[in-house]
C-alpha atoms as a PDB file:
ATOM      1  CA  MET A   1    -149.980   6.918  46.545  1.00  0.00           C
ATOM      2  CA  PRO A   2    -146.913   6.527  44.295  1.00  0.00           C
ATOM      3  CA  VAL A   3    -146.556   9.140  41.573  1.00  0.00           C
ATOM      4  CA  PRO A   4    -147.272   7.554  38.173  1.00  0.00           C
ATOM      5  CA  SER A   5    -144.018   6.983  36.351  1.00  0.00           C
ATOM      6  CA  THR A   6    -143.194   7.749  32.753  1.00  0.00           C
ATOM      7  CA  SER A   7    -142.115   4.811  30.616  1.00  0.00           C
ATOM      8  CA  THR A   8    -139.014   5.165  28.503  1.00  0.00           C
ATOM      9  CA  GLU A   9    -140.073   2.400  26.154  1.00  0.00           C
ATOM     10  CA  ASP A  10    -140.946   3.376  22.603  1.00  0.00           C
ATOM     11  CA  THR A  11    -144.479   1.967  22.656  1.00  0.00           C
ATOM     12  CA  PRO A  12    -147.451   3.606  20.957  1.00  0.00           C
ATOM     13  CA  PHE A  13    -150.265   5.097  22.994  1.00  0.00           C
ATOM     14  CA  TYR A  14    -153.478   3.104  23.161  1.00  0.00           C
ATOM     15  CA  ALA A  15    -155.101   5.876  21.132  1.00  0.00           C
ATOM     16  CA  GLU A  16    -152.705   5.024  18.294  1.00  0.00           C
ATOM     17  CA  ARG A  17    -153.301   1.259  18.303  1.00  0.00           C
ATOM     18  CA  PRO A  18    -155.751  -0.030  15.675  1.00  0.00           C
ATOM     19  CA  GLU A  19    -156.824  -2.958  17.869  1.00  0.00           C
ATOM     20  CA  TRP A  20    -158.153  -0.483  20.447  1.00  0.00           C
ATOM     21  CA  SER A  21    -160.083   1.683  17.996  1.00  0.00           C
ATOM     22  CA  ASP A  22    -163.395   0.121  19.094  1.00  0.00           C
ATOM     23  CA  VAL A  23    -163.002   1.488  22.636  1.00  0.00           C
ATOM     24  CA  THR A  24    -164.149   4.987  23.497  1.00  0.00           C
ATOM     25  CA  PRO A  25    -161.707   6.467  26.041  1.00  0.00           C
ATOM     26  CA  VAL A  26    -163.172   8.297  29.036  1.00  0.00           C
ATOM     27  CA  ALA A  27    -161.200  11.263  30.340  1.00  0.00           C
ATOM     28  CA  GLN A  28    -160.865  11.642  34.089  1.00  0.00           C
ATOM     29  CA  TYR A  29    -162.185  15.195  34.073  1.00  0.00           C
ATOM     30  CA  GLU A  30    -164.592  14.968  31.126  1.00  0.00           C
ATOM     31  CA  ASP A  31    -167.448  16.773  32.921  1.00  0.00           C
ATOM     32  CA  SER A  32    -165.499  19.062  35.193  1.00  0.00           C
ATOM     33  CA  ASN A  33    -162.864  21.762  35.242  1.00  0.00           C
ATOM     34  CA  PRO A  34    -160.775  21.122  38.379  1.00  0.00           C
ATOM     35  CA  ILE A  35    -158.943  24.017  40.004  1.00  0.00           C
ATOM     36  CA  ALA A  36    -155.786  21.962  40.592  1.00  0.00           C
ATOM     37  CA  PRO A  37    -155.685  19.002  38.199  1.00  0.00           C
ATOM     38  CA  ILE A  38    -153.014  16.364  38.600  1.00  0.00           C
ATOM     39  CA  PHE A  39    -150.517  16.514  35.750  1.00  0.00           C
ATOM     40  CA  TYR A  40    -150.189  12.874  34.811  1.00  0.00           C
ATOM     41  CA  SER A  41    -147.749  11.754  32.145  1.00  0.00           C
ATOM     42  CA  GLN A  42    -149.307  11.399  28.701  1.00  0.00           C
ATOM     43  CA  GLU A  43    -148.647   7.666  28.763  1.00  0.00           C
ATOM     44  CA  TYR A  44    -150.480   7.228  32.071  1.00  0.00           C
ATOM     45  CA  LYS A  45    -153.357   9.495  31.021  1.00  0.00           C
ATOM     46  CA  ASP A  46    -153.780   7.590  27.763  1.00  0.00           C
ATOM     47  CA  ALA A  47    -153.830   4.179  29.480  1.00  0.00           C
ATOM     48  CA  THR A  48    -156.231   5.204  32.248  1.00  0.00           C
ATOM     49  CA  ASP A  49    -158.592   6.911  29.778  1.00  0.00           C
ATOM     50  CA  TYR A  50    -158.895   3.595  27.960  1.00  0.00           C
ATOM     51  CA  PHE A  51    -159.215   1.761  31.260  1.00  0.00           C
ATOM     52  CA  ARG A  52    -162.207   3.898  32.199  1.00  0.00           C
ATOM     53  CA  GLY A  53    -163.662   3.167  28.790  1.00  0.00           C
ATOM     54  CA  ILE A  54    -163.235  -0.565  29.361  1.00  0.00           C
ATOM     55  CA  VAL A  55    -164.817  -0.417  32.816  1.00  0.00           C
ATOM     56  CA  LYS A  56    -167.757   1.531  31.387  1.00  0.00           C
ATOM     57  CA  SER A  57    -168.388  -1.123  28.747  1.00  0.00           C
ATOM     58  CA  GLY A  58    -167.729  -3.999  31.163  1.00  0.00           C
ATOM     59  CA  GLU A  59    -165.288  -5.747  28.837  1.00  0.00           C
ATOM     60  CA  LYS A  60    -163.211  -8.551  30.316  1.00  0.00           C
ATOM     61  CA  SER A  61    -160.705  -9.955  27.858  1.00  0.00           C
ATOM     62  CA  GLN A  62    -157.069 -10.826  27.334  1.00  0.00           C
ATOM     63  CA  ARG A  63    -156.308  -7.304  26.182  1.00  0.00           C
ATOM     64  CA  VAL A  64    -157.785  -5.975  29.427  1.00  0.00           C
ATOM     65  CA  LEU A  65    -155.163  -7.992  31.309  1.00  0.00           C
ATOM     66  CA  GLN A  66    -152.451  -6.300  29.244  1.00  0.00           C
ATOM     67  CA  LEU A  67    -153.980  -2.879  29.821  1.00  0.00           C
ATOM     68  CA  THR A  68    -154.231  -3.354  33.580  1.00  0.00           C
ATOM     69  CA  GLU A  69    -150.663  -4.661  33.715  1.00  0.00           C
ATOM     70  CA  ASP A  70    -149.458  -1.551  31.887  1.00  0.00           C
ATOM     71  CA  ILE A  71    -151.319   0.704  34.320  1.00  0.00           C
ATOM     72  CA  ILE A  72    -150.024  -1.214  37.337  1.00  0.00           C
ATOM     73  CA  ARG A  73    -146.451  -0.884  36.097  1.00  0.00           C
ATOM     74  CA  LEU A  74    -147.018   2.864  35.772  1.00  0.00           C
ATOM     75  CA  ASN A  75    -148.774   3.139  39.134  1.00  0.00           C
ATOM     76  CA  PRO A  76    -148.680  -0.007  41.294  1.00  0.00           C
ATOM     77  CA  ALA A  77    -151.079   1.535  43.835  1.00  0.00           C
ATOM     78  CA  HIS A  78    -153.961   1.879  41.345  1.00  0.00           C
ATOM     79  CA  TYR A  79    -156.420  -0.236  43.319  1.00  0.00           C
ATOM     80  CA  SER A  80    -159.173  -0.047  40.671  1.00  0.00           C
ATOM     81  CA  ALA A  81    -156.840  -1.526  38.063  1.00  0.00           C
ATOM     82  CA  TRP A  82    -155.909  -4.345  40.451  1.00  0.00           C
ATOM     83  CA  GLN A  83    -159.531  -5.123  41.283  1.00  0.00           C
ATOM     84  CA  TYR A  84    -160.651  -5.099  37.648  1.00  0.00           C
ATOM     85  CA  ARG A  85    -157.694  -7.268  36.727  1.00  0.00           C
ATOM     86  CA  TYR A  86    -158.733  -9.820  39.353  1.00  0.00           C
ATOM     87  CA  GLU A  87    -162.328  -9.822  38.099  1.00  0.00           C
ATOM     88  CA  THR A  88    -161.069 -10.300  34.535  1.00  0.00           C
ATOM     89  CA  LEU A  89    -158.869 -13.237  35.541  1.00  0.00           C
ATOM     90  CA  ILE A  90    -161.889 -14.921  37.115  1.00  0.00           C
ATOM     91  CA  ALA A  91    -164.143 -14.170  34.138  1.00  0.00           C
ATOM     92  CA  LEU A  92    -161.599 -15.631  31.691  1.00  0.00           C
ATOM     93  CA  ASN A  93    -160.742 -18.596  33.893  1.00  0.00           C
ATOM     94  CA  ALA A  94    -157.142 -17.561  33.261  1.00  0.00           C
ATOM     95  CA  PRO A  95    -154.272 -19.792  34.487  1.00  0.00           C
ATOM     96  CA  LEU A  96    -153.409 -18.460  37.926  1.00  0.00           C
ATOM     97  CA  ASP A  97    -149.943 -20.017  37.951  1.00  0.00           C
ATOM     98  CA  VAL A  98    -149.036 -17.650  35.125  1.00  0.00           C
ATOM     99  CA  GLU A  99    -150.454 -14.730  37.104  1.00  0.00           C
ATOM    100  CA  LEU A 100    -148.455 -15.735  40.169  1.00  0.00           C
ATOM    101  CA  LYS A 101    -145.235 -15.751  38.154  1.00  0.00           C
ATOM    102  CA  LEU A 102    -145.996 -12.192  37.100  1.00  0.00           C
ATOM    103  CA  MET A 103    -146.702 -11.331  40.734  1.00  0.00           C
ATOM    104  CA  ASP A 104    -143.301 -12.792  41.694  1.00  0.00           C
ATOM    105  CA  GLU A 105    -141.772 -10.025  39.612  1.00  0.00           C
ATOM    106  CA  LEU A 106    -144.137  -7.227  40.636  1.00  0.00           C
ATOM    107  CA  ALA A 107    -144.034  -8.004  44.351  1.00  0.00           C
ATOM    108  CA  VAL A 108    -140.261  -7.521  44.416  1.00  0.00           C
ATOM    109  CA  LEU A 109    -140.461  -4.409  42.238  1.00  0.00           C
ATOM    110  CA  TYR A 110    -143.185  -2.846  44.382  1.00  0.00           C
ATOM    111  CA  LEU A 111    -142.499  -4.325  47.830  1.00  0.00           C
ATOM    112  CA  LYS A 112    -144.016  -1.421  49.727  1.00  0.00           C
ATOM    113  CA  THR A 113    -147.274  -1.303  47.782  1.00  0.00           C
ATOM    114  CA  TYR A 114    -150.207  -2.881  49.610  1.00  0.00           C
ATOM    115  CA  GLN A 115    -152.204  -3.704  46.471  1.00  0.00           C
ATOM    116  CA  VAL A 116    -149.663  -6.151  45.039  1.00  0.00           C
ATOM    117  CA  TRP A 117    -149.765  -8.212  48.237  1.00  0.00           C
ATOM    118  CA  HIS A 118    -153.557  -8.074  48.484  1.00  0.00           C
ATOM    119  CA  HIS A 119    -153.834  -9.335  44.904  1.00  0.00           C
ATOM    120  CA  ARG A 120    -151.531 -12.195  45.781  1.00  0.00           C
ATOM    121  CA  ARG A 121    -153.751 -13.104  48.726  1.00  0.00           C
ATOM    122  CA  LEU A 122    -156.769 -13.283  46.445  1.00  0.00           C
ATOM    123  CA  LEU A 123    -154.909 -15.596  44.083  1.00  0.00           C
ATOM    124  CA  LEU A 124    -153.806 -17.921  46.900  1.00  0.00           C
ATOM    125  CA  MET A 125    -157.366 -18.153  48.163  1.00  0.00           C
ATOM    126  CA  LEU A 126    -158.187 -19.636  44.757  1.00  0.00           C
ATOM    127  CA  THR A 127    -155.127 -21.819  44.118  1.00  0.00           C
ATOM    128  CA  ARG A 128    -155.036 -23.174  47.696  1.00  0.00           C
ATOM    129  CA  LYS A 129    -151.323 -23.933  47.288  1.00  0.00           C
ATOM    130  CA  PRO A 130    -149.589 -22.073  50.113  1.00  0.00           C
ATOM    131  CA  ALA A 131    -146.415 -24.165  50.536  1.00  0.00           C
ATOM    132  CA  PRO A 132    -144.352 -22.553  47.718  1.00  0.00           C
ATOM    133  CA  GLU A 133    -145.158 -19.122  49.115  1.00  0.00           C
ATOM    134  CA  LEU A 134    -142.868 -19.496  52.127  1.00  0.00           C
ATOM    135  CA  LYS A 135    -139.849 -19.782  49.839  1.00  0.00           C
ATOM    136  CA  PHE A 136    -141.033 -16.803  47.795  1.00  0.00           C
ATOM    137  CA  ILE A 137    -141.511 -14.693  50.935  1.00  0.00           C
ATOM    138  CA  ALA A 138    -138.039 -15.602  52.200  1.00  0.00           C
ATOM    139  CA  LYS A 139    -136.588 -14.499  48.870  1.00  0.00           C
ATOM    140  CA  SER A 140    -138.561 -11.233  49.007  1.00  0.00           C
ATOM    141  CA  LEU A 141    -137.221 -10.528  52.480  1.00  0.00           C
ATOM    142  CA  GLU A 142    -133.700 -10.704  51.092  1.00  0.00           C
ATOM    143  CA  VAL A 143    -134.531  -7.448  49.304  1.00  0.00           C
ATOM    144  CA  ASP A 144    -135.972  -5.742  52.391  1.00  0.00           C
ATOM    145  CA  VAL A 145    -135.750  -7.718  55.643  1.00  0.00           C
ATOM    146  CA  LYS A 146    -138.146  -5.408  57.507  1.00  0.00           C
ATOM    147  CA  ASN A 147    -140.820  -4.766  54.895  1.00  0.00           C
ATOM    148  CA  TYR A 148    -144.166  -4.613  56.676  1.00  0.00           C
ATOM    149  CA  HIS A 149    -146.257  -5.940  53.766  1.00  0.00           C
ATOM    150  CA  THR A 150    -144.059  -9.000  53.289  1.00  0.00           C
ATOM    151  CA  TRP A 151    -144.188  -9.981  56.958  1.00  0.00           C
ATOM    152  CA  SER A 152    -147.928  -9.259  57.103  1.00  0.00           C
ATOM    153  CA  TYR A 153    -148.496 -11.484  54.092  1.00  0.00           C
ATOM    154  CA  ARG A 154    -146.508 -14.295  55.707  1.00  0.00           C
ATOM    155  CA  GLN A 155    -148.628 -14.062  58.845  1.00  0.00           C
ATOM    156  CA  TRP A 156    -151.828 -14.058  56.804  1.00  0.00           C
ATOM    157  CA  LEU A 157    -150.661 -17.121  54.882  1.00  0.00           C
ATOM    158  CA  LEU A 158    -149.891 -19.078  58.048  1.00  0.00           C
ATOM    159  CA  ALA A 159    -153.105 -18.082  59.820  1.00  0.00           C
ATOM    160  CA  PHE A 160    -155.448 -18.472  56.843  1.00  0.00           C
ATOM    161  CA  PHE A 161    -154.338 -21.962  55.827  1.00  0.00           C
ATOM    162  CA  ASN A 162    -153.274 -22.991  59.354  1.00  0.00           C
ATOM    163  CA  ASP A 163    -151.463 -26.059  58.075  1.00  0.00           C
ATOM    164  CA  GLU A 164    -149.104 -27.876  60.451  1.00  0.00           C
ATOM    165  CA  GLU A 165    -146.565 -28.318  57.645  1.00  0.00           C
ATOM    166  CA  LEU A 166    -146.509 -24.557  57.081  1.00  0.00           C
ATOM    167  CA  TRP A 167    -145.961 -23.825  60.765  1.00  0.00           C
ATOM    168  CA  ALA A 168    -143.365 -26.576  61.233  1.00  0.00           C
ATOM    169  CA  GLY A 169    -140.250 -24.587  60.335  1.00  0.00           C
ATOM    170  CA  GLU A 170    -141.420 -21.144  61.373  1.00  0.00           C
ATOM    171  CA  LEU A 171    -139.453 -20.787  64.592  1.00  0.00           C
ATOM    172  CA  ASP A 172    -136.279 -21.899  62.804  1.00  0.00           C
ATOM    173  CA  PHE A 173    -136.976 -19.377  60.056  1.00  0.00           C
ATOM    174  CA  VAL A 174    -137.504 -16.436  62.376  1.00  0.00           C
ATOM    175  CA  GLU A 175    -134.454 -17.406  64.424  1.00  0.00           C
ATOM    176  CA  SER A 176    -132.345 -17.369  61.256  1.00  0.00           C
ATOM    177  CA  MET A 177    -133.626 -13.852  60.533  1.00  0.00           C
ATOM    178  CA  LEU A 178    -132.639 -12.714  64.025  1.00  0.00           C
ATOM    179  CA  VAL A 179    -129.189 -14.255  63.609  1.00  0.00           C
ATOM    180  CA  GLN A 180    -128.783 -12.027  60.556  1.00  0.00           C
ATOM    181  CA  ASP A 181    -129.981  -8.942  62.452  1.00  0.00           C
ATOM    182  CA  VAL A 182    -130.849  -9.217  66.131  1.00  0.00           C
ATOM    183  CA  ARG A 183    -132.429  -5.747  65.955  1.00  0.00           C
ATOM    184  CA  ASN A 184    -134.943  -6.697  63.274  1.00  0.00           C
ATOM    185  CA  ASN A 185    -138.144  -5.605  65.008  1.00  0.00           C
ATOM    186  CA  SER A 186    -140.275  -7.228  62.285  1.00  0.00           C
ATOM    187  CA  ALA A 187    -138.701 -10.611  63.024  1.00  0.00           C
ATOM    188  CA  TRP A 188    -139.259 -10.176  66.769  1.00  0.00           C
ATOM    189  CA  HIS A 189    -142.877  -9.285  66.125  1.00  0.00           C
ATOM    190  CA  HIS A 190    -143.272 -12.348  63.914  1.00  0.00           C
ATOM    191  CA  ARG A 191    -141.824 -14.596  66.593  1.00  0.00           C
ATOM    192  CA  PHE A 192    -144.358 -13.231  69.084  1.00  0.00           C
ATOM    193  CA  PHE A 193    -147.126 -13.898  66.560  1.00  0.00           C
ATOM    194  CA  VAL A 194    -145.963 -17.484  66.041  1.00  0.00           C
ATOM    195  CA  VAL A 195    -145.496 -18.335  69.719  1.00  0.00           C
ATOM    196  CA  PHE A 196    -148.255 -16.394  71.477  1.00  0.00           C
ATOM    197  CA  GLN A 197    -150.857 -15.192  68.982  1.00  0.00           C
ATOM    198  CA  SER A 198    -151.634 -18.093  66.659  1.00  0.00           C
ATOM    199  CA  GLY A 199    -153.057 -20.861  68.800  1.00  0.00           C
ATOM    200  CA  LEU A 200    -151.535 -24.071  70.109  1.00  0.00           C
ATOM    201  CA  ARG A 201    -149.771 -26.519  67.838  1.00  0.00           C
ATOM    202  CA  GLU A 202    -148.094 -29.859  68.276  1.00  0.00           C
ATOM    203  CA  GLY A 203    -145.107 -29.569  70.594  1.00  0.00           C
ATOM    204  CA  GLU A 204    -146.239 -26.187  71.926  1.00  0.00           C
ATOM    205  CA  THR A 205    -149.012 -27.251  74.309  1.00  0.00           C
ATOM    206  CA  ASP A 206    -146.831 -27.190  77.434  1.00  0.00           C
ATOM    207  CA  ARG A 207    -147.016 -23.430  77.869  1.00  0.00           C
ATOM    208  CA  GLY A 208    -144.816 -23.421  80.942  1.00  0.00           C
ATOM    209  CA  ARG A 209    -141.996 -24.967  78.927  1.00  0.00           C
ATOM    210  CA  VAL A 210    -142.652 -22.571  76.032  1.00  0.00           C
ATOM    211  CA  ILE A 211    -142.501 -19.542  78.328  1.00  0.00           C
ATOM    212  CA  ARG A 212    -139.229 -20.728  79.874  1.00  0.00           C
ATOM    213  CA  ARG A 213    -137.805 -21.297  76.387  1.00  0.00           C
ATOM    214  CA  GLU A 214    -138.803 -17.836  75.216  1.00  0.00           C
ATOM    215  CA  LEU A 215    -137.490 -16.133  78.335  1.00  0.00           C
ATOM    216  CA  THR A 216    -134.155 -17.881  77.872  1.00  0.00           C
ATOM    217  CA  PHE A 217    -134.092 -16.973  74.185  1.00  0.00           C
ATOM    218  CA  VAL A 218    -134.787 -13.277  74.678  1.00  0.00           C
ATOM    219  CA  LYS A 219    -132.410 -12.927  77.638  1.00  0.00           C
ATOM    220  CA  GLN A 220    -129.598 -14.479  75.615  1.00  0.00           C
ATOM    221  CA  ASN A 221    -130.258 -12.078  72.766  1.00  0.00           C
ATOM    222  CA  ILE A 222    -130.323  -9.089  75.102  1.00  0.00           C
ATOM    223  CA  SER A 223    -126.959 -10.231  76.436  1.00  0.00           C
ATOM    224  CA  PHE A 224    -125.604 -10.038  72.860  1.00  0.00           C
ATOM    225  CA  ALA A 225    -126.924  -6.494  72.274  1.00  0.00           C
ATOM    226  CA  ALA A 226    -127.848  -4.785  75.526  1.00  0.00           C
ATOM    227  CA  ASN A 227    -129.576  -1.758  74.014  1.00  0.00           C
ATOM    228  CA  ASN A 228    -131.759  -3.666  71.591  1.00  0.00           C
ATOM    229  CA  LEU A 229    -135.208  -2.184  72.266  1.00  0.00           C
ATOM    230  CA  SER A 230    -136.925  -4.834  70.136  1.00  0.00           C
ATOM    231  CA  ALA A 231    -135.731  -7.591  72.463  1.00  0.00           C
ATOM    232  CA  TRP A 232    -136.695  -5.641  75.573  1.00  0.00           C
ATOM    233  CA  ASN A 233    -140.196  -5.179  74.163  1.00  0.00           C
ATOM    234  CA  TYR A 234    -140.356  -8.912  73.441  1.00  0.00           C
ATOM    235  CA  LEU A 235    -139.462  -9.632  77.069  1.00  0.00           C
ATOM    236  CA  ARG A 236    -142.290  -7.378  78.228  1.00  0.00           C
ATOM    237  CA  GLY A 237    -144.598  -9.028  75.732  1.00  0.00           C
ATOM    238  CA  ILE A 238    -143.930 -12.503  77.125  1.00  0.00           C
ATOM    239  CA  LEU A 239    -144.817 -11.359  80.625  1.00  0.00           C
ATOM    240  CA  ASP A 240    -147.874  -9.345  79.594  1.00  0.00           C
ATOM    241  CA  ALA A 241    -149.293 -12.056  77.337  1.00  0.00           C
ATOM    242  CA  ASN A 242    -149.020 -14.661  80.063  1.00  0.00           C
ATOM    243  CA  LYS A 243    -149.944 -12.409  82.999  1.00  0.00           C
ATOM    244  CA  ILE A 244    -146.588 -12.952  84.696  1.00  0.00           C
ATOM    245  CA  LEU A 245    -145.370 -10.424  87.255  1.00  0.00           C
ATOM    246  CA  TYR A 246    -142.520  -8.217  86.043  1.00  0.00           C
ATOM    247  CA  SER A 247    -140.712  -8.964  89.288  1.00  0.00           C
ATOM    248  CA  ARG A 248    -139.963 -12.439  87.929  1.00  0.00           C
ATOM    249  CA  VAL A 249    -137.185 -10.924  85.799  1.00  0.00           C
ATOM    250  CA  GLU A 250    -135.994  -8.278  88.281  1.00  0.00           C
ATOM    251  CA  ASP A 251    -132.603  -9.903  88.840  1.00  0.00           C
ATOM    252  CA  PHE A 252    -131.957 -10.011  85.106  1.00  0.00           C
ATOM    253  CA  VAL A 253    -133.148  -6.470  84.419  1.00  0.00           C
ATOM    254  CA  SER A 254    -131.074  -5.074  87.283  1.00  0.00           C
ATOM    255  CA  LEU A 255    -127.861  -6.249  85.620  1.00  0.00           C
ATOM    256  CA  TYR A 256    -128.537  -3.905  82.688  1.00  0.00           C
ATOM    257  CA  ALA A 257    -129.715  -0.947  84.779  1.00  0.00           C
ATOM    258  CA  GLU A 258    -126.331  -0.682  86.474  1.00  0.00           C
ATOM    259  CA  ALA A 259    -123.667   1.716  85.235  1.00  0.00           C
ATOM    260  CA  SER A 260    -121.013  -0.971  84.928  1.00  0.00           C
ATOM    261  CA  ILE A 261    -120.485  -4.717  84.909  1.00  0.00           C
ATOM    262  CA  ASP A 262    -119.390  -6.405  88.118  1.00  0.00           C
ATOM    263  CA  ALA A 263    -115.846  -7.427  87.147  1.00  0.00           C
ATOM    264  CA  THR A 264    -115.500  -9.628  90.232  1.00  0.00           C
ATOM    265  CA  ARG A 265    -118.295 -11.961  89.162  1.00  0.00           C
ATOM    266  CA  ASP A 266    -116.713 -15.290  88.203  1.00  0.00           C
ATOM    267  CA  ILE A 267    -119.797 -17.467  87.864  1.00  0.00           C
ATOM    268  CA  VAL A 268    -122.227 -16.673  85.070  1.00  0.00           C
ATOM    269  CA  ASP A 269    -125.865 -17.186  85.969  1.00  0.00           C
ATOM    270  CA  LEU A 270    -127.356 -18.929  82.927  1.00  0.00           C
ATOM    271  CA  GLU A 271    -130.820 -17.790  84.001  1.00  0.00           C
ATOM    272  CA  ASN A 272    -129.644 -14.194  83.967  1.00  0.00           C
ATOM    273  CA  PRO A 273    -126.833 -13.743  81.423  1.00  0.00           C
ATOM    274  CA  PRO A 274    -124.955 -10.493  82.056  1.00  0.00           C
ATOM    275  CA  PRO A 275    -124.233  -7.745  79.516  1.00  0.00           C
ATOM    276  CA  PRO A 276    -121.247  -8.290  77.244  1.00  0.00           C
ATOM    277  CA  ARG A 277    -118.006  -6.536  78.062  1.00  0.00           C
ATOM    278  CA  GLY A 278    -117.975  -3.151  76.396  1.00  0.00           C
ATOM    279  CA  ALA A 279    -121.748  -2.821  76.511  1.00  0.00           C
ATOM    280  CA  GLU A 280    -123.075   0.728  76.782  1.00  0.00           C
ATOM    281  CA  LEU A 281    -124.537   0.814  80.287  1.00  0.00           C
ATOM    282  CA  PRO A 282    -126.812   1.562  81.925  1.00  0.00           C
ATOM    283  CA  CYS A 283    -129.405   0.601  79.342  1.00  0.00           C
ATOM    284  CA  PRO A 284    -132.346   3.062  79.240  1.00  0.00           C
ATOM    285  CA  ALA A 285    -134.796   0.274  78.413  1.00  0.00           C
ATOM    286  CA  ALA A 286    -133.614  -1.644  81.482  1.00  0.00           C
ATOM    287  CA  ILE A 287    -133.886   1.412  83.721  1.00  0.00           C
ATOM    288  CA  GLU A 288    -137.463   1.953  82.527  1.00  0.00           C
ATOM    289  CA  PHE A 289    -138.248  -1.733  83.034  1.00  0.00           C
ATOM    290  CA  LEU A 290    -136.776  -1.736  86.537  1.00  0.00           C
ATOM    291  CA  ALA A 291    -138.742   1.405  87.419  1.00  0.00           C
ATOM    292  CA  ASP A 292    -141.941  -0.310  86.275  1.00  0.00           C
ATOM    293  CA  ILE A 293    -141.072  -3.298  88.480  1.00  0.00           C
ATOM    294  CA  HIS A 294    -140.577  -1.024  91.490  1.00  0.00           C
ATOM    295  CA  GLU A 295    -143.857   0.785  90.804  1.00  0.00           C
ATOM    296  CA  LYS A 296    -145.862  -2.431  90.432  1.00  0.00           C
ATOM    297  CA  GLU A 297    -144.323  -3.785  93.661  1.00  0.00           C
ATOM    298  CA  GLY A 298    -145.257  -0.627  95.566  1.00  0.00           C
ATOM    299  CA  ARG A 299    -141.721   0.785  95.668  1.00  0.00           C
ATOM    300  CA  VAL A 300    -142.742   4.067  94.076  1.00  0.00           C
ATOM    301  CA  LEU A 301    -139.962   6.249  95.515  1.00  0.00           C
ATOM    302  CA  GLN A 302    -137.354   3.899  94.036  1.00  0.00           C
ATOM    303  CA  ALA A 303    -139.188   4.101  90.734  1.00  0.00           C
ATOM    304  CA  THR A 304    -139.138   7.921  90.780  1.00  0.00           C
ATOM    305  CA  GLU A 305    -135.382   7.899  91.310  1.00  0.00           C
ATOM    306  CA  LEU A 306    -134.956   5.850  88.157  1.00  0.00           C
ATOM    307  CA  TRP A 307    -137.373   8.047  86.199  1.00  0.00           C
ATOM    308  CA  ARG A 308    -135.351  11.061  87.331  1.00  0.00           C
ATOM    309  CA  SER A 309    -132.164   9.473  85.998  1.00  0.00           C
ATOM    310  CA  LEU A 310    -133.901   8.920  82.676  1.00  0.00           C
ATOM    311  CA  ALA A 311    -135.174  12.509  82.541  1.00  0.00           C
ATOM    312  CA  ASP A 312    -131.858  14.099  83.476  1.00  0.00           C
ATOM    313  CA  GLU A 313    -129.296  11.810  81.878  1.00  0.00           C
ATOM    314  CA  HIS A 314    -130.198   8.578  80.123  1.00  0.00           C
ATOM    315  CA  ASP A 315    -133.313   9.447  78.066  1.00  0.00           C
ATOM    316  CA  THR A 316    -133.485  13.228  77.950  1.00  0.00           C
ATOM    317  CA  ILE A 317    -135.400  13.282  74.683  1.00  0.00           C
ATOM    318  CA  ARG A 318    -138.417  12.073  76.688  1.00  0.00           C
ATOM    319  CA  LYS A 319    -137.703  14.348  79.658  1.00  0.00           C
ATOM    320  CA  LYS A 320    -141.251  15.737  79.827  1.00  0.00           C
ATOM    321  CA  TYR A 321    -142.687  12.231  79.877  1.00  0.00           C
ATOM    322  CA  TRP A 322    -140.444  11.076  82.707  1.00  0.00           C
ATOM    323  CA  GLU A 323    -141.237  14.210  84.707  1.00  0.00           C
ATOM    324  CA  TYR A 324    -144.904  13.381  84.235  1.00  0.00           C
ATOM    325  CA  ARG A 325    -144.307   9.840  85.543  1.00  0.00           C
ATOM    326  CA  ILE A 326    -142.500  11.298  88.549  1.00  0.00           C
ATOM    327  CA  ARG A 327    -145.387  13.679  89.336  1.00  0.00           C
ATOM    328  CA  GLU A 328    -147.972  10.901  89.005  1.00  0.00           C
ATOM    329  CA  GLY A 329    -145.873   8.550  91.114  1.00  0.00           C
ATOM    330  CA  LEU A 330    -145.400  11.049  93.939  1.00  0.00           C
ATOM    331  CA  LYS A 331    -149.087  11.936  93.797  1.00  0.00           C
ATOM    332  CA  SER A 332    -149.992   8.275  94.356  1.00  0.00           C
ATOM    333  CA  VAL A 333    -147.683   8.156  97.382  1.00  0.00           C
ATOM    334  CA  ARG A 334    -149.318  11.221  98.977  1.00  0.00           C
ATOM    335  CA  GLN A 335    -152.845   9.882  98.512  1.00  0.00           C
END
């Protein structure tokens, strides 16, 4: 949980404000003497004491919205303040468009705080106006292109409302994100969600065509950046999700498991684009992939040779793991 901050603004404590004199503050440790109390700032302690007093009385008013906003700005992960704020908004029938504008600010300030995104979900479930959110999310991703909460919120929005107009530009959007950074694992994950984990939509019902499109897309991107693990995982994901044998891509994978590019090759196979000149080869992800192909096809000894190269040279940080794979592979041969 984020450490409560200390405001530099010259604002009086709630205990000093005449309009709050009717509220009895409740201290966090009023009936106990903790061994290791948390040393909150005086500003945070003052605000949360009055918050507990408000919760005790059950008050839901405009001033409660101000109080909860102050607490959230001091500690954006204070889930009780968020929940009570939401309940107060509902009780007051407050204008949610105003609340969303405030959330536009807070979501960017506190991108990595779950509560701000959960609160936004609750608001959208009431407003039922998801379309403007896509633009807001895109803007938020400009601040942090890999932020988990932002991408998770986008997926929730698409799945919850499941509107064809929302889905319409999603592949173009995620492709633009990958053009910016082909190693953006969050964008690769989102593409997999859109194509394989969110049902069938208009234009996507011919799964054979979709699979061919995605295989072409990921192979092309691997050919731009050979050691991009995100793309290699996407390739595996396509095959696993559609129960396709790994051997289908053996020719392609083999190109990246070699130590060098075949300089004599004049014709480029569009189905299997080769690594770019200057690529760092062999690619450990390709060696692992090729070993898995050999193992699944019953060529275990060939697989163990590749695992040995990973253990001794190309992926030594996982040496113990590769030695384990070798032992298990040889054991299966002897049985």
